[in-house]
Amino acid sequence: MRVTALTLYPVKSLEGVGLDASSLDARGLRGDRRWGLVDASGNKVTAREVKALLGLTAEPAEQTGSEGAIRLRDRAGGSIVVAAPREATPIVVDHSGQGTARPAEPEVHAWISERAGTELQLVWQDDASLRPVRRDRGGQDGDTNSLADAAPILLTTGSSLGRLNGWLAEAGAQPIDHDRFRPNVVVDGTEPFAEDGWDTVRIGDVAFHRTMVCDRCVMTTIDRQTLRTTKEPIRTLSRHRKWDGATWFGIRLAPDLPLRADARLRVGDEVRASGGP
């Protein structure tokens, strides 16, 4: 098995960018989902509630000289660079296990709010934050998370997507791409859904443990080009991949700790897994 794609999502619910390689820390790909959006009361806001967020893209902007800086882009070509607000006074946010985060500058909030069509604030999880991976989501001692839903890394496989697209074709629906599921790592060279049973995964020379199979939400039904909500792939997944009241696709991983300072993932890395078929 090999890694065929890596994707970094600096801002939770915004589109991300493909990478050839990425360094790692305990939170997953370095810089992944360290930013998120909240309303005026600090309540988490995602593309589940505001689909227009998927029309914006976030990417690293390290060339600014500010570590952790990102550039936000819209589809019309507008952009804004955002520095990590290391000195900003933290505000209360309701991301589970997070407590507080540091807000960006007011002009950044205004830029995003205009494009989202609702008042939003962009907040940053600072370097000192330790957001544990919940025990009921498969977390182990020391596992820490970004602002991602449940674990630092989401992995999907080409064979599982191929099987899903086969089911979609049988249902008369259009095929979809991995981006509907927002994985950090895509792997090829395994049987469909073999990943469900993996307990441990080694990518290159970095070891991970599975926290859970990933339950899928309405966000997967938003067409990335039109931003319209469809019924797929949830409708088809519910026919083939539904248990415990949810539909499932992909697995969540956390890196084994401690990580080497030079830990890194690359497209083309060999992937070895245990616990599966």
C-alpha atoms as a PDB file:
ATOM      1  CA  MET A   1       0.000   0.000   0.000  1.00  0.00           C
ATOM      2  CA  ARG A   2       1.107   3.544  -0.728  1.00  0.00           C
ATOM      3  CA  VAL A   3       0.043   7.087   0.117  1.00  0.00           C
ATOM      4  CA  THR A   4      -1.462   8.657  -3.013  1.00  0.00           C
ATOM      5  CA  ALA A   5      -2.539  12.041  -1.612  1.00  0.00           C
ATOM      6  CA  LEU A   6      -2.007  14.321   1.374  1.00  0.00           C
ATOM      7  CA  THR A   7      -4.296  17.265   2.115  1.00  0.00           C
ATOM      8  CA  LEU A   8      -3.906  20.008   4.711  1.00  0.00           C
ATOM      9  CA  TYR A   9      -6.970  21.865   6.011  1.00  0.00           C
ATOM     10  CA  PRO A  10      -5.665  24.845   8.008  1.00  0.00           C
ATOM     11  CA  VAL A  11      -9.204  26.064   8.819  1.00  0.00           C
ATOM     12  CA  LYS A  12     -11.906  23.675   9.916  1.00  0.00           C
ATOM     13  CA  SER A  13     -14.680  23.571   7.242  1.00  0.00           C
ATOM     14  CA  LEU A  14     -12.767  25.553   4.614  1.00  0.00           C
ATOM     15  CA  GLU A  15     -11.257  23.826   1.609  1.00  0.00           C
ATOM     16  CA  GLY A  16      -7.636  22.792   1.962  1.00  0.00           C
ATOM     17  CA  VAL A  17      -4.580  22.268  -0.209  1.00  0.00           C
ATOM     18  CA  GLY A  18      -2.822  19.178  -1.532  1.00  0.00           C
ATOM     19  CA  LEU A  19       0.762  18.575  -0.433  1.00  0.00           C
ATOM     20  CA  ASP A  20       3.600  16.381  -1.614  1.00  0.00           C
ATOM     21  CA  ALA A  21       4.876  16.086   1.959  1.00  0.00           C
ATOM     22  CA  SER A  22       4.067  17.361   5.434  1.00  0.00           C
ATOM     23  CA  SER A  23       5.791  17.457   8.788  1.00  0.00           C
ATOM     24  CA  LEU A  24       3.864  16.112  11.764  1.00  0.00           C
ATOM     25  CA  ASP A  25       3.192  16.948  15.363  1.00  0.00           C
ATOM     26  CA  ALA A  26       0.942  15.379  17.981  1.00  0.00           C
ATOM     27  CA  ARG A  27      -2.071  17.115  16.370  1.00  0.00           C
ATOM     28  CA  GLY A  28      -1.473  15.477  12.969  1.00  0.00           C
ATOM     29  CA  LEU A  29      -0.248  17.255   9.822  1.00  0.00           C
ATOM     30  CA  ARG A  30       1.474  20.377  11.064  1.00  0.00           C
ATOM     31  CA  GLY A  31      -0.959  23.293  10.889  1.00  0.00           C
ATOM     32  CA  ASP A  32      -4.011  21.166  10.127  1.00  0.00           C
ATOM     33  CA  ARG A  33      -7.309  22.495  11.540  1.00  0.00           C
ATOM     34  CA  ARG A  34      -5.604  24.825  14.002  1.00  0.00           C
ATOM     35  CA  TRP A  35      -8.148  27.479  13.001  1.00  0.00           C
ATOM     36  CA  GLY A  36     -11.920  27.367  13.319  1.00  0.00           C
ATOM     37  CA  LEU A  37     -14.983  29.581  13.119  1.00  0.00           C
ATOM     38  CA  VAL A  38     -17.371  30.648  15.853  1.00  0.00           C
ATOM     39  CA  ASP A  39     -20.324  33.008  16.152  1.00  0.00           C
ATOM     40  CA  ALA A  40     -20.479  36.049  18.422  1.00  0.00           C
ATOM     41  CA  SER A  41     -21.194  33.799  21.419  1.00  0.00           C
ATOM     42  CA  GLY A  42     -18.254  31.489  20.725  1.00  0.00           C
ATOM     43  CA  ASN A  43     -20.412  28.688  19.384  1.00  0.00           C
ATOM     44  CA  LYS A  44     -18.675  26.502  16.794  1.00  0.00           C
ATOM     45  CA  VAL A  45     -19.803  27.118  13.201  1.00  0.00           C
ATOM     46  CA  THR A  46     -19.002  24.679  10.390  1.00  0.00           C
ATOM     47  CA  ALA A  47     -20.067  24.062   6.799  1.00  0.00           C
ATOM     48  CA  ARG A  48     -22.839  21.901   8.199  1.00  0.00           C
ATOM     49  CA  GLU A  49     -24.538  25.174   9.113  1.00  0.00           C
ATOM     50  CA  VAL A  50     -22.942  27.563   6.568  1.00  0.00           C
ATOM     51  CA  LYS A  51     -22.288  25.856   3.234  1.00  0.00           C
ATOM     52  CA  ALA A  52     -20.614  28.956   1.812  1.00  0.00           C
ATOM     53  CA  LEU A  53     -17.526  28.154   3.905  1.00  0.00           C
ATOM     54  CA  LEU A  54     -16.689  25.403   1.413  1.00  0.00           C
ATOM     55  CA  GLY A  55     -16.334  28.112  -1.229  1.00  0.00           C
ATOM     56  CA  LEU A  56     -13.298  29.464   0.647  1.00  0.00           C
ATOM     57  CA  THR A  57      -9.816  27.939   0.688  1.00  0.00           C
ATOM     58  CA  ALA A  58      -7.103  28.143   3.346  1.00  0.00           C
ATOM     59  CA  GLU A  59      -3.423  27.485   2.735  1.00  0.00           C
ATOM     60  CA  PRO A  60      -0.162  28.067   4.632  1.00  0.00           C
ATOM     61  CA  ALA A  61       1.447  31.480   4.186  1.00  0.00           C
ATOM     62  CA  GLU A  62       4.754  30.907   5.915  1.00  0.00           C
ATOM     63  CA  GLN A  63       6.516  33.221   3.460  1.00  0.00           C
ATOM     64  CA  THR A  64       5.125  36.115   5.514  1.00  0.00           C
ATOM     65  CA  GLY A  65       7.676  35.334   8.232  1.00  0.00           C
ATOM     66  CA  SER A  66       4.954  34.591  10.782  1.00  0.00           C
ATOM     67  CA  GLU A  67       4.859  30.931  11.798  1.00  0.00           C
ATOM     68  CA  GLY A  68       1.321  29.580  11.574  1.00  0.00           C
ATOM     69  CA  ALA A  69       0.149  32.291   9.158  1.00  0.00           C
ATOM     70  CA  ILE A  70      -2.436  31.334   6.541  1.00  0.00           C
ATOM     71  CA  ARG A  71      -3.874  32.825   3.384  1.00  0.00           C
ATOM     72  CA  LEU A  72      -7.630  32.703   2.802  1.00  0.00           C
ATOM     73  CA  ARG A  73      -8.947  32.799  -0.766  1.00  0.00           C
ATOM     74  CA  ASP A  74     -12.382  33.048  -2.314  1.00  0.00           C
ATOM     75  CA  ARG A  75     -13.460  31.785  -5.708  1.00  0.00           C
ATOM     76  CA  ALA A  76     -13.556  35.292  -7.132  1.00  0.00           C
ATOM     77  CA  GLY A  77      -9.830  35.678  -6.558  1.00  0.00           C
ATOM     78  CA  GLY A  78      -9.912  37.714  -3.370  1.00  0.00           C
ATOM     79  CA  SER A  79      -7.518  36.821  -0.568  1.00  0.00           C
ATOM     80  CA  ILE A  80      -6.321  37.884   2.853  1.00  0.00           C
ATOM     81  CA  VAL A  81      -3.279  36.829   4.896  1.00  0.00           C
ATOM     82  CA  VAL A  82      -3.886  36.037   8.560  1.00  0.00           C
ATOM     83  CA  ALA A  83      -1.115  35.905  11.140  1.00  0.00           C
ATOM     84  CA  ALA A  84      -1.388  33.560  14.099  1.00  0.00           C
ATOM     85  CA  PRO A  85      -2.825  35.816  16.865  1.00  0.00           C
ATOM     86  CA  ARG A  86      -0.324  34.810  19.542  1.00  0.00           C
ATOM     87  CA  GLU A  87      -0.885  37.893  21.691  1.00  0.00           C
ATOM     88  CA  ALA A  88      -4.663  38.132  21.307  1.00  0.00           C
ATOM     89  CA  THR A  89      -6.785  37.732  24.434  1.00  0.00           C
ATOM     90  CA  PRO A  90      -8.426  34.280  24.321  1.00  0.00           C
ATOM     91  CA  ILE A  91     -12.194  34.025  24.008  1.00  0.00           C
ATOM     92  CA  VAL A  92     -14.454  31.201  25.176  1.00  0.00           C
ATOM     93  CA  VAL A  93     -15.326  28.673  22.444  1.00  0.00           C
ATOM     94  CA  ASP A  94     -17.507  25.586  22.651  1.00  0.00           C
ATOM     95  CA  HIS A  95     -15.298  23.116  20.772  1.00  0.00           C
ATOM     96  CA  SER A  96     -15.422  20.140  23.128  1.00  0.00           C
ATOM     97  CA  GLY A  97     -12.316  19.936  25.303  1.00  0.00           C
ATOM     98  CA  GLN A  98     -10.931  23.240  24.008  1.00  0.00           C
ATOM     99  CA  GLY A  99     -12.275  25.937  26.320  1.00  0.00           C
ATOM    100  CA  THR A 100     -10.714  29.030  24.740  1.00  0.00           C
ATOM    101  CA  ALA A 101      -9.016  30.100  21.502  1.00  0.00           C
ATOM    102  CA  ARG A 102      -7.378  33.285  20.265  1.00  0.00           C
ATOM    103  CA  PRO A 103      -9.318  35.482  17.794  1.00  0.00           C
ATOM    104  CA  ALA A 104      -7.891  36.918  14.581  1.00  0.00           C
ATOM    105  CA  GLU A 105      -8.058  40.627  13.799  1.00  0.00           C
ATOM    106  CA  PRO A 106     -11.487  42.283  13.215  1.00  0.00           C
ATOM    107  CA  GLU A 107     -10.777  42.844   9.508  1.00  0.00           C
ATOM    108  CA  VAL A 108     -10.346  39.084   9.095  1.00  0.00           C
ATOM    109  CA  HIS A 109     -13.714  38.438  10.739  1.00  0.00           C
ATOM    110  CA  ALA A 110     -15.275  40.995   8.396  1.00  0.00           C
ATOM    111  CA  TRP A 111     -13.675  39.408   5.296  1.00  0.00           C
ATOM    112  CA  ILE A 112     -15.006  35.966   6.156  1.00  0.00           C
ATOM    113  CA  SER A 113     -18.409  37.184   7.345  1.00  0.00           C
ATOM    114  CA  GLU A 114     -19.050  39.053   4.089  1.00  0.00           C
ATOM    115  CA  ARG A 115     -18.396  35.911   2.065  1.00  0.00           C
ATOM    116  CA  ALA A 116     -20.198  33.548   4.426  1.00  0.00           C
ATOM    117  CA  GLY A 117     -23.307  35.748   4.656  1.00  0.00           C
ATOM    118  CA  THR A 118     -23.320  35.655   8.454  1.00  0.00           C
ATOM    119  CA  GLU A 119     -21.290  37.159  11.286  1.00  0.00           C
ATOM    120  CA  LEU A 120     -18.350  34.911  12.138  1.00  0.00           C
ATOM    121  CA  GLN A 121     -15.062  35.075  14.020  1.00  0.00           C
ATOM    122  CA  LEU A 122     -11.910  33.197  13.041  1.00  0.00           C
ATOM    123  CA  VAL A 123     -10.109  31.710  16.042  1.00  0.00           C
ATOM    124  CA  TRP A 124      -6.772  29.936  16.465  1.00  0.00           C
ATOM    125  CA  GLN A 125      -5.811  27.046  18.711  1.00  0.00           C
ATOM    126  CA  ASP A 126      -2.557  28.208  20.241  1.00  0.00           C
ATOM    127  CA  ASP A 127       0.546  26.098  20.710  1.00  0.00           C
ATOM    128  CA  ALA A 128      -0.047  25.583  24.435  1.00  0.00           C
ATOM    129  CA  SER A 129      -3.523  24.090  23.964  1.00  0.00           C
ATOM    130  CA  LEU A 130      -3.912  20.421  24.804  1.00  0.00           C
ATOM    131  CA  ARG A 131      -7.275  19.202  23.540  1.00  0.00           C
ATOM    132  CA  PRO A 132      -7.530  15.511  24.419  1.00  0.00           C
ATOM    133  CA  VAL A 133      -8.984  12.932  22.052  1.00  0.00           C
ATOM    134  CA  ARG A 134     -12.067  11.728  23.888  1.00  0.00           C
ATOM    135  CA  ARG A 135     -11.998   8.266  25.400  1.00  0.00           C
ATOM    136  CA  ASP A 136     -15.416   7.495  23.928  1.00  0.00           C
ATOM    137  CA  ARG A 137     -13.915   8.304  20.506  1.00  0.00           C
ATOM    138  CA  GLY A 138     -10.992   5.929  20.940  1.00  0.00           C
ATOM    139  CA  GLY A 139      -8.516   8.291  22.565  1.00  0.00           C
ATOM    140  CA  GLN A 140      -5.559   6.969  24.528  1.00  0.00           C
ATOM    141  CA  ASP A 141      -3.377   8.585  27.189  1.00  0.00           C
ATOM    142  CA  GLY A 142      -1.528  11.531  25.673  1.00  0.00           C
ATOM    143  CA  ASP A 143      -3.566  11.747  22.437  1.00  0.00           C
ATOM    144  CA  THR A 144      -4.206  15.395  21.616  1.00  0.00           C
ATOM    145  CA  ASN A 145      -6.248  16.963  18.871  1.00  0.00           C
ATOM    146  CA  SER A 146      -6.455  20.044  16.699  1.00  0.00           C
ATOM    147  CA  LEU A 147      -9.935  21.535  16.156  1.00  0.00           C
ATOM    148  CA  ALA A 148     -10.793  18.439  14.094  1.00  0.00           C
ATOM    149  CA  ASP A 149     -13.952  16.631  15.123  1.00  0.00           C
ATOM    150  CA  ALA A 150     -12.546  13.552  16.827  1.00  0.00           C
ATOM    151  CA  ALA A 151      -8.897  12.758  16.031  1.00  0.00           C
ATOM    152  CA  PRO A 152      -5.830  14.312  14.374  1.00  0.00           C
ATOM    153  CA  ILE A 153      -5.777  12.352  11.088  1.00  0.00           C
ATOM    154  CA  LEU A 154      -8.509  11.113   8.743  1.00  0.00           C
ATOM    155  CA  LEU A 155      -7.533   8.377   6.286  1.00  0.00           C
ATOM    156  CA  THR A 156      -9.526   7.038   3.332  1.00  0.00           C
ATOM    157  CA  THR A 157      -8.627   4.496   0.669  1.00  0.00           C
ATOM    158  CA  GLY A 158      -8.988   4.493  -3.093  1.00  0.00           C
ATOM    159  CA  SER A 159     -10.487   1.012  -3.096  1.00  0.00           C
ATOM    160  CA  SER A 160     -13.235   1.982  -0.664  1.00  0.00           C
ATOM    161  CA  LEU A 161     -14.088   5.053  -2.707  1.00  0.00           C
ATOM    162  CA  GLY A 162     -14.130   2.859  -5.823  1.00  0.00           C
ATOM    163  CA  ARG A 163     -16.602   0.481  -4.182  1.00  0.00           C
ATOM    164  CA  LEU A 164     -18.771   3.400  -3.082  1.00  0.00           C
ATOM    165  CA  ASN A 165     -18.735   4.868  -6.586  1.00  0.00           C
ATOM    166  CA  GLY A 166     -19.799   1.479  -7.908  1.00  0.00           C
ATOM    167  CA  TRP A 167     -22.767   1.535  -5.560  1.00  0.00           C
ATOM    168  CA  LEU A 168     -23.545   5.121  -6.620  1.00  0.00           C
ATOM    169  CA  ALA A 169     -23.500   4.077 -10.287  1.00  0.00           C
ATOM    170  CA  GLU A 170     -25.927   1.252  -9.527  1.00  0.00           C
ATOM    171  CA  ALA A 171     -28.207   3.827  -7.918  1.00  0.00           C
ATOM    172  CA  GLY A 172     -27.967   6.119 -10.960  1.00  0.00           C
ATOM    173  CA  ALA A 173     -25.937   8.718  -9.058  1.00  0.00           C
ATOM    174  CA  GLN A 174     -22.788  10.552 -10.080  1.00  0.00           C
ATOM    175  CA  PRO A 175     -19.372   9.470  -8.776  1.00  0.00           C
ATOM    176  CA  ILE A 176     -17.703  11.530  -6.079  1.00  0.00           C
ATOM    177  CA  ASP A 177     -14.105  12.295  -5.139  1.00  0.00           C
ATOM    178  CA  HIS A 178     -12.254  11.918  -1.860  1.00  0.00           C
ATOM    179  CA  ASP A 179     -12.754  15.627  -1.158  1.00  0.00           C
ATOM    180  CA  ARG A 180     -16.337  14.932  -0.060  1.00  0.00           C
ATOM    181  CA  PHE A 181     -14.809  13.195   2.967  1.00  0.00           C
ATOM    182  CA  ARG A 182     -11.970  15.664   3.649  1.00  0.00           C
ATOM    183  CA  PRO A 183      -9.222  13.106   4.356  1.00  0.00           C
ATOM    184  CA  ASN A 184      -5.689  14.092   5.299  1.00  0.00           C
ATOM    185  CA  VAL A 185      -4.262  10.862   3.878  1.00  0.00           C
ATOM    186  CA  VAL A 186      -5.443   8.758   0.926  1.00  0.00           C
ATOM    187  CA  VAL A 187      -4.051   5.250   0.524  1.00  0.00           C
ATOM    188  CA  ASP A 188      -4.230   2.829  -2.398  1.00  0.00           C
ATOM    189  CA  GLY A 189      -3.436  -0.855  -2.717  1.00  0.00           C
ATOM    190  CA  THR A 190      -5.843  -2.521  -0.295  1.00  0.00           C
ATOM    191  CA  GLU A 191      -9.225  -4.247  -0.387  1.00  0.00           C
ATOM    192  CA  PRO A 192     -12.337  -2.088  -0.019  1.00  0.00           C
ATOM    193  CA  PHE A 193     -13.018  -1.219   3.623  1.00  0.00           C
ATOM    194  CA  ALA A 194     -10.101  -3.289   4.932  1.00  0.00           C
ATOM    195  CA  GLU A 195      -9.225  -0.167   6.926  1.00  0.00           C
ATOM    196  CA  ASP A 196     -12.261  -0.729   9.167  1.00  0.00           C
ATOM    197  CA  GLY A 197     -10.303  -3.427  10.989  1.00  0.00           C
ATOM    198  CA  TRP A 198      -6.895  -1.787  11.186  1.00  0.00           C
ATOM    199  CA  ASP A 199      -5.672  -1.263  14.725  1.00  0.00           C
ATOM    200  CA  THR A 200      -2.264   0.172  13.883  1.00  0.00           C
ATOM    201  CA  VAL A 201      -0.950   1.894  10.766  1.00  0.00           C
ATOM    202  CA  ARG A 202       2.644   2.743   9.861  1.00  0.00           C
ATOM    203  CA  ILE A 203       3.086   5.363   7.159  1.00  0.00           C
ATOM    204  CA  GLY A 204       6.712   5.586   6.130  1.00  0.00           C
ATOM    205  CA  ASP A 205       8.487   5.417   9.476  1.00  0.00           C
ATOM    206  CA  VAL A 206       5.670   7.018  11.516  1.00  0.00           C
ATOM    207  CA  ALA A 207       3.371   4.824  13.615  1.00  0.00           C
ATOM    208  CA  PHE A 208      -0.305   5.587  14.250  1.00  0.00           C
ATOM    209  CA  HIS A 209      -3.147   3.902  16.102  1.00  0.00           C
ATOM    210  CA  ARG A 210      -6.752   3.889  14.977  1.00  0.00           C
ATOM    211  CA  THR A 211      -9.134   5.742  17.248  1.00  0.00           C
ATOM    212  CA  MET A 212     -12.367   4.907  15.396  1.00  0.00           C
ATOM    213  CA  VAL A 213     -14.055   4.302  12.073  1.00  0.00           C
ATOM    214  CA  CYS A 214     -15.360   7.684  10.909  1.00  0.00           C
ATOM    215  CA  ASP A 215     -19.078   8.403  11.089  1.00  0.00           C
ATOM    216  CA  ARG A 216     -20.193  10.658   8.254  1.00  0.00           C
ATOM    217  CA  CYS A 217     -22.427  13.726   8.387  1.00  0.00           C
ATOM    218  CA  VAL A 218     -24.446  15.936   6.061  1.00  0.00           C
ATOM    219  CA  MET A 219     -21.293  17.837   5.080  1.00  0.00           C
ATOM    220  CA  THR A 220     -20.456  15.002   2.675  1.00  0.00           C
ATOM    221  CA  THR A 221     -23.650  15.719   0.734  1.00  0.00           C
ATOM    222  CA  ILE A 222     -22.591  19.249  -0.299  1.00  0.00           C
ATOM    223  CA  ASP A 223     -21.427  19.419  -3.904  1.00  0.00           C
ATOM    224  CA  ARG A 224     -18.055  21.177  -3.778  1.00  0.00           C
ATOM    225  CA  GLN A 225     -18.583  23.029  -7.068  1.00  0.00           C
ATOM    226  CA  THR A 226     -22.191  24.198  -6.759  1.00  0.00           C
ATOM    227  CA  LEU A 227     -22.370  24.187  -2.932  1.00  0.00           C
ATOM    228  CA  ARG A 228     -25.807  22.625  -3.275  1.00  0.00           C
ATOM    229  CA  THR A 229     -26.911  19.882  -0.903  1.00  0.00           C
ATOM    230  CA  THR A 230     -27.630  16.521  -2.484  1.00  0.00           C
ATOM    231  CA  LYS A 231     -28.739  13.194  -1.010  1.00  0.00           C
ATOM    232  CA  GLU A 232     -25.499  11.407  -1.841  1.00  0.00           C
ATOM    233  CA  PRO A 233     -23.357   9.761  -0.649  1.00  0.00           C
ATOM    234  CA  ILE A 234     -25.272   9.400   2.641  1.00  0.00           C
ATOM    235  CA  ARG A 235     -28.280   7.795   0.976  1.00  0.00           C
ATOM    236  CA  THR A 236     -26.147   5.083  -0.635  1.00  0.00           C
ATOM    237  CA  LEU A 237     -23.844   4.652   2.354  1.00  0.00           C
ATOM    238  CA  SER A 238     -26.898   4.098   4.538  1.00  0.00           C
ATOM    239  CA  ARG A 239     -27.817   1.104   2.376  1.00  0.00           C
ATOM    240  CA  HIS A 240     -24.410  -0.522   2.657  1.00  0.00           C
ATOM    241  CA  ARG A 241     -22.476   1.043   5.553  1.00  0.00           C
ATOM    242  CA  LYS A 242     -24.960   1.828   8.317  1.00  0.00           C
ATOM    243  CA  TRP A 243     -24.717   0.578  11.880  1.00  0.00           C
ATOM    244  CA  ASP A 244     -25.178   2.052  15.349  1.00  0.00           C
ATOM    245  CA  GLY A 245     -27.449   4.679  13.817  1.00  0.00           C
ATOM    246  CA  ALA A 246     -24.745   6.237  11.619  1.00  0.00           C
ATOM    247  CA  THR A 247     -23.059   5.813   8.230  1.00  0.00           C
ATOM    248  CA  TRP A 248     -19.299   5.154   8.070  1.00  0.00           C
ATOM    249  CA  PHE A 249     -16.424   5.869   5.707  1.00  0.00           C
ATOM    250  CA  GLY A 250     -12.707   6.178   6.460  1.00  0.00           C
ATOM    251  CA  ILE A 251     -10.840   5.871   9.747  1.00  0.00           C
ATOM    252  CA  ARG A 252      -9.465   8.317  12.274  1.00  0.00           C
ATOM    253  CA  LEU A 253      -5.866   7.994  13.492  1.00  0.00           C
ATOM    254  CA  ALA A 254      -3.645   9.481  16.164  1.00  0.00           C
ATOM    255  CA  PRO A 255       0.168   9.325  16.024  1.00  0.00           C
ATOM    256  CA  ASP A 256       2.025   7.207  18.530  1.00  0.00           C
ATOM    257  CA  LEU A 257       3.921   9.431  20.951  1.00  0.00           C
ATOM    258  CA  PRO A 258       6.540  10.630  21.371  1.00  0.00           C
ATOM    259  CA  LEU A 259       7.078  11.692  17.766  1.00  0.00           C
ATOM    260  CA  ARG A 260      10.527  12.295  16.368  1.00  0.00           C
ATOM    261  CA  ALA A 261      11.189  15.971  15.703  1.00  0.00           C
ATOM    262  CA  ASP A 262      11.671  15.210  12.001  1.00  0.00           C
ATOM    263  CA  ALA A 263       8.513  13.075  11.638  1.00  0.00           C
ATOM    264  CA  ARG A 264       7.140  13.525   8.135  1.00  0.00           C
ATOM    265  CA  LEU A 265       4.640  11.991   5.693  1.00  0.00           C
ATOM    266  CA  ARG A 266       5.135  11.955   1.926  1.00  0.00           C
ATOM    267  CA  VAL A 267       3.084  10.996  -1.104  1.00  0.00           C
ATOM    268  CA  GLY A 268       4.465   7.615  -2.111  1.00  0.00           C
ATOM    269  CA  ASP A 269       5.204   6.472   1.435  1.00  0.00           C
ATOM    270  CA  GLU A 270       4.689   2.777   2.053  1.00  0.00           C
ATOM    271  CA  VAL A 271       1.742   2.003   4.331  1.00  0.00           C
ATOM    272  CA  ARG A 272       1.613  -1.055   6.553  1.00  0.00           C
ATOM    273  CA  ALA A 273      -1.351  -1.938   8.719  1.00  0.00           C
ATOM    274  CA  SER A 274      -2.170  -4.600  11.274  1.00  0.00           C
ATOM    275  CA  GLY A 275      -5.423  -5.866  12.643  1.00  0.00           C
ATOM    276  CA  GLY A 276      -7.271  -5.899   9.311  1.00  0.00           C
ATOM    277  CA  PRO A 277      -8.019  -8.754   6.890  1.00  0.00           C
END
